[in-house]
Amino acid sequence: MPLLATSPASATAAAVPRCVVRASANGFPSFLPKQVEKIRDPFALDMAKRIERLPVKVSFLRSSIMSSCVKPLQERGTEPVVLLHGFDSSCLEWRYSYPLIEDAGIDAWAVDILGWGFSDLEMLPSCNVAAKREHLFQFWSSYIRRPMVLVGPSLGAAVAVDFVANHPEAVSKIVMIDASVYAEGTRNLAKLPRVVAYAGVSLLKSIPLRLYANSLAVNKVSLQTSFGYMNVGRLHCLQPWWEDATIDFMLSGGYNVKDHIKQINKKTLIIWGEEDQVISSKFATVIFSYS
């Protein structure tokens, strides 16, 4: 399996329908927040122009969810690689790695997890764990339809583990990057009064907090570069439904998948940064001992 990373890293496949999306004069999909025009990172700009929405039918909503993703320009029939993202993020997290994976001849999909990213959630569905799982499964059933390599960084690893435990037929291999799979859900945050929860979530998208998060995630970058990362990482927070979707997930209890780790019987690749300041690398040994 090729090494996959998120830092600056059937004989004939079925045709995937494209969703018709209006583009603005500068080439971005019209559903992206206008602040995308402030982004200067060329990798983020190129990937943002490729984001599209595909309809996904779920049981908990009468209409299909127009679900955002970046899909292969041309499917080559290779084993599909589906790239999830971390907590409160989007498919733009893969802006540096996606072109490399694509250039390697791999059918790569960067998928926005329900409740984050750039899907159309004006008719807000539930965004709890079960809803996120069903949405991903229905996306897979509609457009990928063959066993995939499922890649999850940080909380995306918990999404991947939960998905594999419930739909093993959809996954051939799993890749976990700096995996957040031993946190016991959102814990006490799930008990907050809604007014307090909304205040906290509003802080979550604030520029100072996002800059601080960048300082933990990336070492030795200039303030200008950090602002660039912040503009990309914060873009999805400007969606009108973002706060409601995040509150729904937080109050639902979040992911608690540590027991599922022992059940994974797929070929597994663990990738970890030696100096991760957010999720200790000691968990890599624990996860590896089960895999």
C-alpha atoms as a PDB file:
ATOM      1  CA  MET A   1       0.000   0.000   0.000  1.00  0.00           C
ATOM      2  CA  PRO A   2       1.389   3.444  -0.830  1.00  0.00           C
ATOM      3  CA  LEU A   3       2.194   5.752   2.063  1.00  0.00           C
ATOM      4  CA  LEU A   4      -0.480   8.397   2.486  1.00  0.00           C
ATOM      5  CA  ALA A   5      -0.095  11.586   4.532  1.00  0.00           C
ATOM      6  CA  THR A   6      -1.911  14.870   4.993  1.00  0.00           C
ATOM      7  CA  SER A   7       1.120  17.206   5.110  1.00  0.00           C
ATOM      8  CA  PRO A   8       2.757  19.261   2.102  1.00  0.00           C
ATOM      9  CA  ALA A   9       1.680  13.593   0.876  1.00  0.00           C
ATOM     10  CA  SER A  10     -13.290  -4.148 -11.547  1.00  0.00           C
ATOM     11  CA  ALA A  11     -11.971  -4.003 -15.045  1.00  0.00           C
ATOM     12  CA  THR A  12     -14.024  -0.963 -15.923  1.00  0.00           C
ATOM     13  CA  ALA A  13     -15.251   1.410 -13.251  1.00  0.00           C
ATOM     14  CA  ALA A  14     -18.857   2.501 -13.383  1.00  0.00           C
ATOM     15  CA  ALA A  15     -19.410   6.047 -14.533  1.00  0.00           C
ATOM     16  CA  VAL A  16     -20.205   8.455 -11.748  1.00  0.00           C
ATOM     17  CA  PRO A  17     -22.881  11.073 -12.455  1.00  0.00           C
ATOM     18  CA  ARG A  18     -21.791  14.657 -12.123  1.00  0.00           C
ATOM     19  CA  CYS A  19     -23.923  17.190 -10.333  1.00  0.00           C
ATOM     20  CA  VAL A  20     -24.494  20.370 -12.287  1.00  0.00           C
ATOM     21  CA  VAL A  21     -23.155  23.234 -10.167  1.00  0.00           C
ATOM     22  CA  ARG A  22     -23.004  26.884 -11.143  1.00  0.00           C
ATOM     23  CA  ALA A  23     -19.503  28.297 -10.982  1.00  0.00           C
ATOM     24  CA  SER A  24     -18.641  31.881 -10.184  1.00  0.00           C
ATOM     25  CA  ALA A  25     -16.639  34.018 -12.585  1.00  0.00           C
ATOM     26  CA  ASN A  26     -13.386  32.941 -10.917  1.00  0.00           C
ATOM     27  CA  GLY A  27     -14.112  29.239 -11.303  1.00  0.00           C
ATOM     28  CA  PHE A  28     -15.160  28.320  -7.759  1.00  0.00           C
ATOM     29  CA  PRO A  29     -18.408  26.422  -7.154  1.00  0.00           C
ATOM     30  CA  SER A  30     -21.128  28.908  -6.276  1.00  0.00           C
ATOM     31  CA  PHE A  31     -21.917  27.109  -2.999  1.00  0.00           C
ATOM     32  CA  LEU A  32     -18.534  27.901  -1.451  1.00  0.00           C
ATOM     33  CA  PRO A  33     -18.381  30.864   0.939  1.00  0.00           C
ATOM     34  CA  LYS A  34     -17.190  34.006  -0.845  1.00  0.00           C
ATOM     35  CA  GLN A  35     -14.197  34.128   1.508  1.00  0.00           C
ATOM     36  CA  VAL A  36     -12.609  31.423  -0.661  1.00  0.00           C
ATOM     37  CA  GLU A  37     -11.406  34.339  -2.799  1.00  0.00           C
ATOM     38  CA  LYS A  38      -9.129  35.453   0.064  1.00  0.00           C
ATOM     39  CA  ILE A  39      -7.198  32.187  -0.023  1.00  0.00           C
ATOM     40  CA  ARG A  40      -3.743  32.386  -1.591  1.00  0.00           C
ATOM     41  CA  ASP A  41      -2.596  28.766  -1.262  1.00  0.00           C
ATOM     42  CA  PRO A  42      -2.507  27.507  -4.880  1.00  0.00           C
ATOM     43  CA  PHE A  43      -3.113  23.897  -3.808  1.00  0.00           C
ATOM     44  CA  ALA A  44      -6.220  24.911  -1.852  1.00  0.00           C
ATOM     45  CA  LEU A  45      -7.470  27.031  -4.752  1.00  0.00           C
ATOM     46  CA  ASP A  46      -7.035  24.207  -7.262  1.00  0.00           C
ATOM     47  CA  MET A  47      -8.825  21.729  -5.018  1.00  0.00           C
ATOM     48  CA  ALA A  48     -11.615  24.152  -4.117  1.00  0.00           C
ATOM     49  CA  LYS A  49     -12.441  24.551  -7.807  1.00  0.00           C
ATOM     50  CA  ARG A  50     -12.948  20.775  -8.050  1.00  0.00           C
ATOM     51  CA  ILE A  51     -15.366  20.432  -5.126  1.00  0.00           C
ATOM     52  CA  GLU A  52     -18.790  19.307  -6.268  1.00  0.00           C
ATOM     53  CA  ARG A  53     -21.992  18.098  -4.702  1.00  0.00           C
ATOM     54  CA  LEU A  54     -23.500  14.685  -5.388  1.00  0.00           C
ATOM     55  CA  PRO A  55     -26.953  13.589  -4.199  1.00  0.00           C
ATOM     56  CA  VAL A  56     -26.947  11.012  -1.404  1.00  0.00           C
ATOM     57  CA  LYS A  57     -30.205   9.463  -0.220  1.00  0.00           C
ATOM     58  CA  VAL A  58     -30.432   8.644   3.496  1.00  0.00           C
ATOM     59  CA  SER A  59     -33.180   7.138   5.618  1.00  0.00           C
ATOM     60  CA  PHE A  60     -33.401  10.032   8.090  1.00  0.00           C
ATOM     61  CA  LEU A  61     -34.248  12.753   5.560  1.00  0.00           C
ATOM     62  CA  ARG A  62     -36.959  12.889   2.918  1.00  0.00           C
ATOM     63  CA  SER A  63     -34.792  14.550   0.287  1.00  0.00           C
ATOM     64  CA  SER A  64     -31.287  13.638  -0.808  1.00  0.00           C
ATOM     65  CA  ILE A  65     -28.332  15.419   0.757  1.00  0.00           C
ATOM     66  CA  MET A  66     -26.244  17.269  -1.808  1.00  0.00           C
ATOM     67  CA  SER A  67     -22.927  16.017  -0.506  1.00  0.00           C
ATOM     68  CA  SER A  68     -19.598  17.709  -1.175  1.00  0.00           C
ATOM     69  CA  CYS A  69     -16.516  15.870  -2.332  1.00  0.00           C
ATOM     70  CA  VAL A  70     -13.625  15.865  -4.763  1.00  0.00           C
ATOM     71  CA  LYS A  71     -13.772  12.853  -7.053  1.00  0.00           C
ATOM     72  CA  PRO A  72     -11.486  11.400  -9.718  1.00  0.00           C
ATOM     73  CA  LEU A  73     -11.407  13.312 -12.990  1.00  0.00           C
ATOM     74  CA  GLN A  74     -11.396   9.950 -14.733  1.00  0.00           C
ATOM     75  CA  GLU A  75     -11.818   6.634 -12.960  1.00  0.00           C
ATOM     76  CA  ARG A  76      -9.166   4.093 -13.911  1.00  0.00           C
ATOM     77  CA  GLY A  77     -10.610   1.034 -12.197  1.00  0.00           C
ATOM     78  CA  THR A  78      -7.932   0.917  -9.488  1.00  0.00           C
ATOM     79  CA  GLU A  79      -8.691   0.117  -5.869  1.00  0.00           C
ATOM     80  CA  PRO A  80     -10.473   3.289  -4.694  1.00  0.00           C
ATOM     81  CA  VAL A  81      -8.937   5.353  -1.909  1.00  0.00           C
ATOM     82  CA  VAL A  82     -11.412   7.402   0.138  1.00  0.00           C
ATOM     83  CA  LEU A  83      -9.908  10.245   2.136  1.00  0.00           C
ATOM     84  CA  LEU A  84     -11.771  11.445   5.201  1.00  0.00           C
ATOM     85  CA  HIS A  85     -10.757  14.517   7.180  1.00  0.00           C
ATOM     86  CA  GLY A  86     -10.337  15.333  10.854  1.00  0.00           C
ATOM     87  CA  PHE A  87     -12.657  16.990  13.364  1.00  0.00           C
ATOM     88  CA  ASP A  88     -14.363  20.151  12.150  1.00  0.00           C
ATOM     89  CA  SER A  89     -12.559  20.212   8.826  1.00  0.00           C
ATOM     90  CA  SER A  90     -13.174  19.587   5.135  1.00  0.00           C
ATOM     91  CA  CYS A  91     -11.818  17.838   2.066  1.00  0.00           C
ATOM     92  CA  LEU A  92      -9.422  20.782   1.603  1.00  0.00           C
ATOM     93  CA  GLU A  93      -7.345  19.139   4.331  1.00  0.00           C
ATOM     94  CA  TRP A  94      -6.011  16.918   1.525  1.00  0.00           C
ATOM     95  CA  ARG A  95      -4.956  19.745  -0.788  1.00  0.00           C
ATOM     96  CA  TYR A  96      -1.259  18.797  -0.749  1.00  0.00           C
ATOM     97  CA  SER A  97      -1.595  15.007  -0.820  1.00  0.00           C
ATOM     98  CA  TYR A  98      -4.500  14.614  -3.233  1.00  0.00           C
ATOM     99  CA  PRO A  99      -2.550  15.638  -6.374  1.00  0.00           C
ATOM    100  CA  LEU A 100       0.235  13.195  -5.466  1.00  0.00           C
ATOM    101  CA  ILE A 101      -2.210  10.331  -4.963  1.00  0.00           C
ATOM    102  CA  GLU A 102      -3.956  11.196  -8.214  1.00  0.00           C
ATOM    103  CA  ASP A 103      -0.663  11.428 -10.113  1.00  0.00           C
ATOM    104  CA  ALA A 104       0.150   7.926  -8.864  1.00  0.00           C
ATOM    105  CA  GLY A 105      -2.807   6.637 -10.917  1.00  0.00           C
ATOM    106  CA  ILE A 106      -5.085   5.992  -7.937  1.00  0.00           C
ATOM    107  CA  ASP A 107      -8.850   6.574  -7.958  1.00  0.00           C
ATOM    108  CA  ALA A 108      -9.002   8.984  -5.023  1.00  0.00           C
ATOM    109  CA  TRP A 109     -12.076  10.501  -3.402  1.00  0.00           C
ATOM    110  CA  ALA A 110     -11.867  13.261  -0.770  1.00  0.00           C
ATOM    111  CA  VAL A 111     -15.217  13.165   1.024  1.00  0.00           C
ATOM    112  CA  ASP A 112     -16.703  15.683   3.449  1.00  0.00           C
ATOM    113  CA  ILE A 113     -18.054  13.996   6.574  1.00  0.00           C
ATOM    114  CA  LEU A 114     -21.697  14.841   7.255  1.00  0.00           C
ATOM    115  CA  GLY A 115     -21.927  18.008   9.348  1.00  0.00           C
ATOM    116  CA  TRP A 116     -18.633  19.469   8.169  1.00  0.00           C
ATOM    117  CA  GLY A 117     -17.262  20.517   4.810  1.00  0.00           C
ATOM    118  CA  PHE A 118     -19.416  22.076   2.108  1.00  0.00           C
ATOM    119  CA  SER A 119     -22.512  19.905   1.687  1.00  0.00           C
ATOM    120  CA  ASP A 120     -25.966  21.485   1.441  1.00  0.00           C
ATOM    121  CA  LEU A 121     -27.436  21.098   4.923  1.00  0.00           C
ATOM    122  CA  GLU A 122     -29.983  23.900   4.887  1.00  0.00           C
ATOM    123  CA  MET A 123     -32.591  21.258   5.791  1.00  0.00           C
ATOM    124  CA  LEU A 124     -30.416  20.187   8.686  1.00  0.00           C
ATOM    125  CA  PRO A 125     -30.422  16.430   9.366  1.00  0.00           C
ATOM    126  CA  SER A 126     -29.090  14.783  12.477  1.00  0.00           C
ATOM    127  CA  CYS A 127     -25.291  14.866  12.477  1.00  0.00           C
ATOM    128  CA  ASN A 128     -24.646  12.255  15.164  1.00  0.00           C
ATOM    129  CA  VAL A 129     -22.405   9.210  14.728  1.00  0.00           C
ATOM    130  CA  ALA A 130     -25.126   6.981  13.264  1.00  0.00           C
ATOM    131  CA  ALA A 131     -26.091   9.653  10.727  1.00  0.00           C
ATOM    132  CA  LYS A 132     -22.488  10.247   9.693  1.00  0.00           C
ATOM    133  CA  ARG A 133     -22.015   6.493   9.262  1.00  0.00           C
ATOM    134  CA  GLU A 134     -25.144   6.019   7.161  1.00  0.00           C
ATOM    135  CA  HIS A 135     -24.322   9.029   5.007  1.00  0.00           C
ATOM    136  CA  LEU A 136     -20.844   7.667   4.251  1.00  0.00           C
ATOM    137  CA  PHE A 137     -22.257   4.217   3.521  1.00  0.00           C
ATOM    138  CA  GLN A 138     -24.881   5.581   1.152  1.00  0.00           C
ATOM    139  CA  PHE A 139     -22.249   7.713  -0.564  1.00  0.00           C
ATOM    140  CA  TRP A 140     -20.133   4.591  -1.014  1.00  0.00           C
ATOM    141  CA  SER A 141     -23.129   2.548  -2.212  1.00  0.00           C
ATOM    142  CA  SER A 142     -24.118   5.173  -4.769  1.00  0.00           C
ATOM    143  CA  TYR A 143     -20.782   6.158  -6.267  1.00  0.00           C
ATOM    144  CA  ILE A 144     -17.903   3.864  -5.318  1.00  0.00           C
ATOM    145  CA  ARG A 145     -19.549   0.449  -5.051  1.00  0.00           C
ATOM    146  CA  ARG A 146     -16.418  -1.619  -4.511  1.00  0.00           C
ATOM    147  CA  PRO A 147     -14.166  -2.244  -1.499  1.00  0.00           C
ATOM    148  CA  MET A 148     -12.110   0.844  -0.719  1.00  0.00           C
ATOM    149  CA  VAL A 149      -8.995   1.849   1.165  1.00  0.00           C
ATOM    150  CA  LEU A 150     -10.438   4.105   3.883  1.00  0.00           C
ATOM    151  CA  VAL A 151      -8.065   6.783   5.182  1.00  0.00           C
ATOM    152  CA  GLY A 152      -8.775   8.719   8.365  1.00  0.00           C
ATOM    153  CA  PRO A 153      -6.570  11.313  10.090  1.00  0.00           C
ATOM    154  CA  SER A 154      -7.215  12.370  13.700  1.00  0.00           C
ATOM    155  CA  LEU A 155     -10.981  12.109  14.403  1.00  0.00           C
ATOM    156  CA  GLY A 156     -11.364  10.854  10.842  1.00  0.00           C
ATOM    157  CA  ALA A 157      -9.711   7.662  12.089  1.00  0.00           C
ATOM    158  CA  ALA A 158     -12.570   7.217  14.567  1.00  0.00           C
ATOM    159  CA  VAL A 159     -15.030   7.743  11.710  1.00  0.00           C
ATOM    160  CA  ALA A 160     -13.167   5.090   9.725  1.00  0.00           C
ATOM    161  CA  VAL A 161     -13.023   2.582  12.598  1.00  0.00           C
ATOM    162  CA  ASP A 162     -16.734   3.022  13.332  1.00  0.00           C
ATOM    163  CA  PHE A 163     -17.518   2.565   9.648  1.00  0.00           C
ATOM    164  CA  VAL A 164     -15.392  -0.578   9.251  1.00  0.00           C
ATOM    165  CA  ALA A 165     -16.965  -2.129  12.356  1.00  0.00           C
ATOM    166  CA  ASN A 166     -20.431  -1.673  10.841  1.00  0.00           C
ATOM    167  CA  HIS A 167     -19.757  -2.120   7.110  1.00  0.00           C
ATOM    168  CA  PRO A 168     -16.716  -4.380   6.699  1.00  0.00           C
ATOM    169  CA  GLU A 169     -17.835  -5.341   3.192  1.00  0.00           C
ATOM    170  CA  ALA A 170     -17.185  -1.788   1.988  1.00  0.00           C
ATOM    171  CA  VAL A 171     -13.545  -1.620   3.124  1.00  0.00           C
ATOM    172  CA  SER A 172     -10.503  -3.555   1.918  1.00  0.00           C
ATOM    173  CA  LYS A 173      -7.845  -1.736   3.960  1.00  0.00           C
ATOM    174  CA  ILE A 174      -7.731   1.031   6.544  1.00  0.00           C
ATOM    175  CA  VAL A 175      -5.132   3.756   7.068  1.00  0.00           C
ATOM    176  CA  MET A 176      -5.067   5.690  10.337  1.00  0.00           C
ATOM    177  CA  ILE A 177      -3.013   8.890  10.659  1.00  0.00           C
ATOM    178  CA  ASP A 178      -2.419  10.335  14.143  1.00  0.00           C
ATOM    179  CA  ALA A 179      -5.573   8.502  15.121  1.00  0.00           C
ATOM    180  CA  SER A 180      -7.973   9.937  17.700  1.00  0.00           C
ATOM    181  CA  VAL A 181      -9.640   6.652  18.600  1.00  0.00           C
ATOM    182  CA  TYR A 182      -9.161   6.460  22.361  1.00  0.00           C
ATOM    183  CA  ALA A 183     -11.114   9.569  23.303  1.00  0.00           C
ATOM    184  CA  GLU A 184     -14.405   8.646  24.954  1.00  0.00           C
ATOM    185  CA  GLY A 185     -16.680  10.786  22.834  1.00  0.00           C
ATOM    186  CA  THR A 186     -17.397  14.403  23.731  1.00  0.00           C
ATOM    187  CA  ARG A 187     -17.885  13.419  27.393  1.00  0.00           C
ATOM    188  CA  ASN A 188     -19.003  16.355  29.580  1.00  0.00           C
ATOM    189  CA  LEU A 189     -19.490  18.591  26.551  1.00  0.00           C
ATOM    190  CA  ALA A 190     -22.541  16.501  25.710  1.00  0.00           C
ATOM    191  CA  LYS A 191     -24.197  17.710  28.934  1.00  0.00           C
ATOM    192  CA  LEU A 192     -23.786  21.439  28.307  1.00  0.00           C
ATOM    193  CA  PRO A 193     -26.894  23.612  28.091  1.00  0.00           C
ATOM    194  CA  ARG A 194     -27.497  24.529  24.465  1.00  0.00           C
ATOM    195  CA  VAL A 195     -26.853  28.235  25.034  1.00  0.00           C
ATOM    196  CA  VAL A 196     -23.439  27.456  26.529  1.00  0.00           C
ATOM    197  CA  ALA A 197     -22.699  24.981  23.749  1.00  0.00           C
ATOM    198  CA  TYR A 198     -23.454  27.605  21.098  1.00  0.00           C
ATOM    199  CA  ALA A 199     -21.142  30.084  22.816  1.00  0.00           C
ATOM    200  CA  GLY A 200     -18.354  27.507  22.819  1.00  0.00           C
ATOM    201  CA  VAL A 201     -18.889  26.595  19.185  1.00  0.00           C
ATOM    202  CA  SER A 202     -18.803  30.256  18.193  1.00  0.00           C
ATOM    203  CA  LEU A 203     -15.389  30.441  19.846  1.00  0.00           C
ATOM    204  CA  LEU A 204     -14.315  27.361  17.882  1.00  0.00           C
ATOM    205  CA  LYS A 205     -14.399  29.290  14.616  1.00  0.00           C
ATOM    206  CA  SER A 206     -12.706  32.400  15.986  1.00  0.00           C
ATOM    207  CA  ILE A 207      -9.525  33.504  14.279  1.00  0.00           C
ATOM    208  CA  PRO A 208      -7.339  33.507  17.462  1.00  0.00           C
ATOM    209  CA  LEU A 209      -8.356  29.943  18.358  1.00  0.00           C
ATOM    210  CA  ARG A 210      -7.791  28.730  14.802  1.00  0.00           C
ATOM    211  CA  LEU A 211      -4.334  30.327  14.766  1.00  0.00           C
ATOM    212  CA  TYR A 212      -3.535  28.625  18.078  1.00  0.00           C
ATOM    213  CA  ALA A 213      -4.653  25.283  16.665  1.00  0.00           C
ATOM    214  CA  ASN A 214      -2.327  25.823  13.706  1.00  0.00           C
ATOM    215  CA  SER A 215       0.574  26.444  16.091  1.00  0.00           C
ATOM    216  CA  LEU A 216      -0.068  23.023  17.644  1.00  0.00           C
ATOM    217  CA  ALA A 217      -0.495  21.238  14.338  1.00  0.00           C
ATOM    218  CA  VAL A 218       2.374  22.744  12.340  1.00  0.00           C
ATOM    219  CA  ASN A 219       5.846  23.600  13.612  1.00  0.00           C
ATOM    220  CA  LYS A 220       8.014  26.528  12.583  1.00  0.00           C
ATOM    221  CA  VAL A 221       5.807  28.421  10.147  1.00  0.00           C
ATOM    222  CA  SER A 222       5.614  32.166   9.662  1.00  0.00           C
ATOM    223  CA  LEU A 223       2.628  34.163  10.848  1.00  0.00           C
ATOM    224  CA  GLN A 224       1.686  34.803   7.219  1.00  0.00           C
ATOM    225  CA  THR A 225       1.724  31.075   6.473  1.00  0.00           C
ATOM    226  CA  SER A 226      -0.276  30.363   9.620  1.00  0.00           C
ATOM    227  CA  PHE A 227      -2.916  32.870   8.524  1.00  0.00           C
ATOM    228  CA  GLY A 228      -3.035  31.099   5.163  1.00  0.00           C
ATOM    229  CA  TYR A 229      -3.650  27.741   6.834  1.00  0.00           C
ATOM    230  CA  MET A 230      -6.288  29.365   9.051  1.00  0.00           C
ATOM    231  CA  ASN A 231      -8.202  30.786   6.093  1.00  0.00           C
ATOM    232  CA  VAL A 232      -8.353  27.338   4.485  1.00  0.00           C
ATOM    233  CA  GLY A 233      -9.186  25.430   7.673  1.00  0.00           C
ATOM    234  CA  ARG A 234     -11.872  27.884   8.726  1.00  0.00           C
ATOM    235  CA  LEU A 235     -13.648  28.208   5.376  1.00  0.00           C
ATOM    236  CA  HIS A 236     -16.293  25.547   6.060  1.00  0.00           C
ATOM    237  CA  CYS A 237     -17.181  27.246   9.380  1.00  0.00           C
ATOM    238  CA  LEU A 238     -18.747  30.053   7.346  1.00  0.00           C
ATOM    239  CA  GLN A 239     -21.500  27.753   6.090  1.00  0.00           C
ATOM    240  CA  PRO A 240     -24.864  28.933   7.510  1.00  0.00           C
ATOM    241  CA  TRP A 241     -25.619  25.534   9.046  1.00  0.00           C
ATOM    242  CA  TRP A 242     -22.173  24.897  10.563  1.00  0.00           C
ATOM    243  CA  GLU A 243     -22.925  25.883  14.158  1.00  0.00           C
ATOM    244  CA  ASP A 244     -26.154  23.853  14.341  1.00  0.00           C
ATOM    245  CA  ALA A 245     -24.504  20.767  12.831  1.00  0.00           C
ATOM    246  CA  THR A 246     -21.535  20.973  15.190  1.00  0.00           C
ATOM    247  CA  ILE A 247     -23.787  21.419  18.231  1.00  0.00           C
ATOM    248  CA  ASP A 248     -25.848  18.407  17.179  1.00  0.00           C
ATOM    249  CA  PHE A 249     -22.724  16.251  16.970  1.00  0.00           C
ATOM    250  CA  MET A 250     -21.295  17.530  20.243  1.00  0.00           C
ATOM    251  CA  LEU A 251     -24.495  17.012  22.253  1.00  0.00           C
ATOM    252  CA  SER A 252     -24.984  13.540  20.741  1.00  0.00           C
ATOM    253  CA  GLY A 253     -21.905  12.255  22.562  1.00  0.00           C
ATOM    254  CA  GLY A 254     -19.488  11.891  19.640  1.00  0.00           C
ATOM    255  CA  TYR A 255     -17.307   8.877  18.817  1.00  0.00           C
ATOM    256  CA  ASN A 256     -16.283   6.201  21.324  1.00  0.00           C
ATOM    257  CA  VAL A 257     -14.649   3.473  19.248  1.00  0.00           C
ATOM    258  CA  LYS A 258     -11.759   2.145  21.332  1.00  0.00           C
ATOM    259  CA  ASP A 259     -13.443  -1.261  21.673  1.00  0.00           C
ATOM    260  CA  HIS A 260     -13.882  -1.436  17.878  1.00  0.00           C
ATOM    261  CA  ILE A 261     -10.103  -1.279  17.411  1.00  0.00           C
ATOM    262  CA  LYS A 262      -9.832  -4.862  18.633  1.00  0.00           C
ATOM    263  CA  GLN A 263     -12.378  -5.959  16.005  1.00  0.00           C
ATOM    264  CA  ILE A 264     -10.556  -4.619  12.945  1.00  0.00           C
ATOM    265  CA  ASN A 265      -9.494  -7.523  10.766  1.00  0.00           C
ATOM    266  CA  LYS A 266      -8.530  -5.489   7.713  1.00  0.00           C
ATOM    267  CA  LYS A 267      -4.989  -4.815   6.592  1.00  0.00           C
ATOM    268  CA  THR A 268      -4.106  -1.700   8.592  1.00  0.00           C
ATOM    269  CA  LEU A 269      -1.454   0.975   8.193  1.00  0.00           C
ATOM    270  CA  ILE A 270      -0.666   3.250  11.144  1.00  0.00           C
ATOM    271  CA  ILE A 271       1.066   6.592  10.453  1.00  0.00           C
ATOM    272  CA  TRP A 272       2.086   8.906  13.272  1.00  0.00           C
ATOM    273  CA  GLY A 273       4.125  12.058  13.682  1.00  0.00           C
ATOM    274  CA  GLU A 274       6.894  11.708  16.237  1.00  0.00           C
ATOM    275  CA  GLU A 275       6.205  15.139  17.746  1.00  0.00           C
ATOM    276  CA  ASP A 276       2.430  15.352  17.522  1.00  0.00           C
ATOM    277  CA  GLN A 277       1.393  17.902  20.148  1.00  0.00           C
ATOM    278  CA  VAL A 278      -2.309  17.069  19.979  1.00  0.00           C
ATOM    279  CA  ILE A 279      -2.566  13.261  20.020  1.00  0.00           C
ATOM    280  CA  SER A 280       0.293  11.456  21.732  1.00  0.00           C
ATOM    281  CA  SER A 281       2.251   8.987  19.619  1.00  0.00           C
ATOM    282  CA  LYS A 282       2.084   6.475  22.501  1.00  0.00           C
ATOM    283  CA  PHE A 283      -1.338   5.500  21.161  1.00  0.00           C
ATOM    284  CA  ALA A 284       0.290   4.272  17.955  1.00  0.00           C
ATOM    285  CA  THR A 285       1.801   1.328  19.828  1.00  0.00           C
ATOM    286  CA  VAL A 286      -1.538   0.486  21.449  1.00  0.00           C
ATOM    287  CA  ILE A 287      -3.385   0.558  18.144  1.00  0.00           C
ATOM    288  CA  PHE A 288      -0.684  -1.389  16.365  1.00  0.00           C
ATOM    289  CA  SER A 289      -0.795  -4.147  18.986  1.00  0.00           C
ATOM    290  CA  TYR A 290      -4.443  -4.783  17.997  1.00  0.00           C
ATOM    291  CA  SER A 291      -3.934  -4.587  14.225  1.00  0.00           C
END
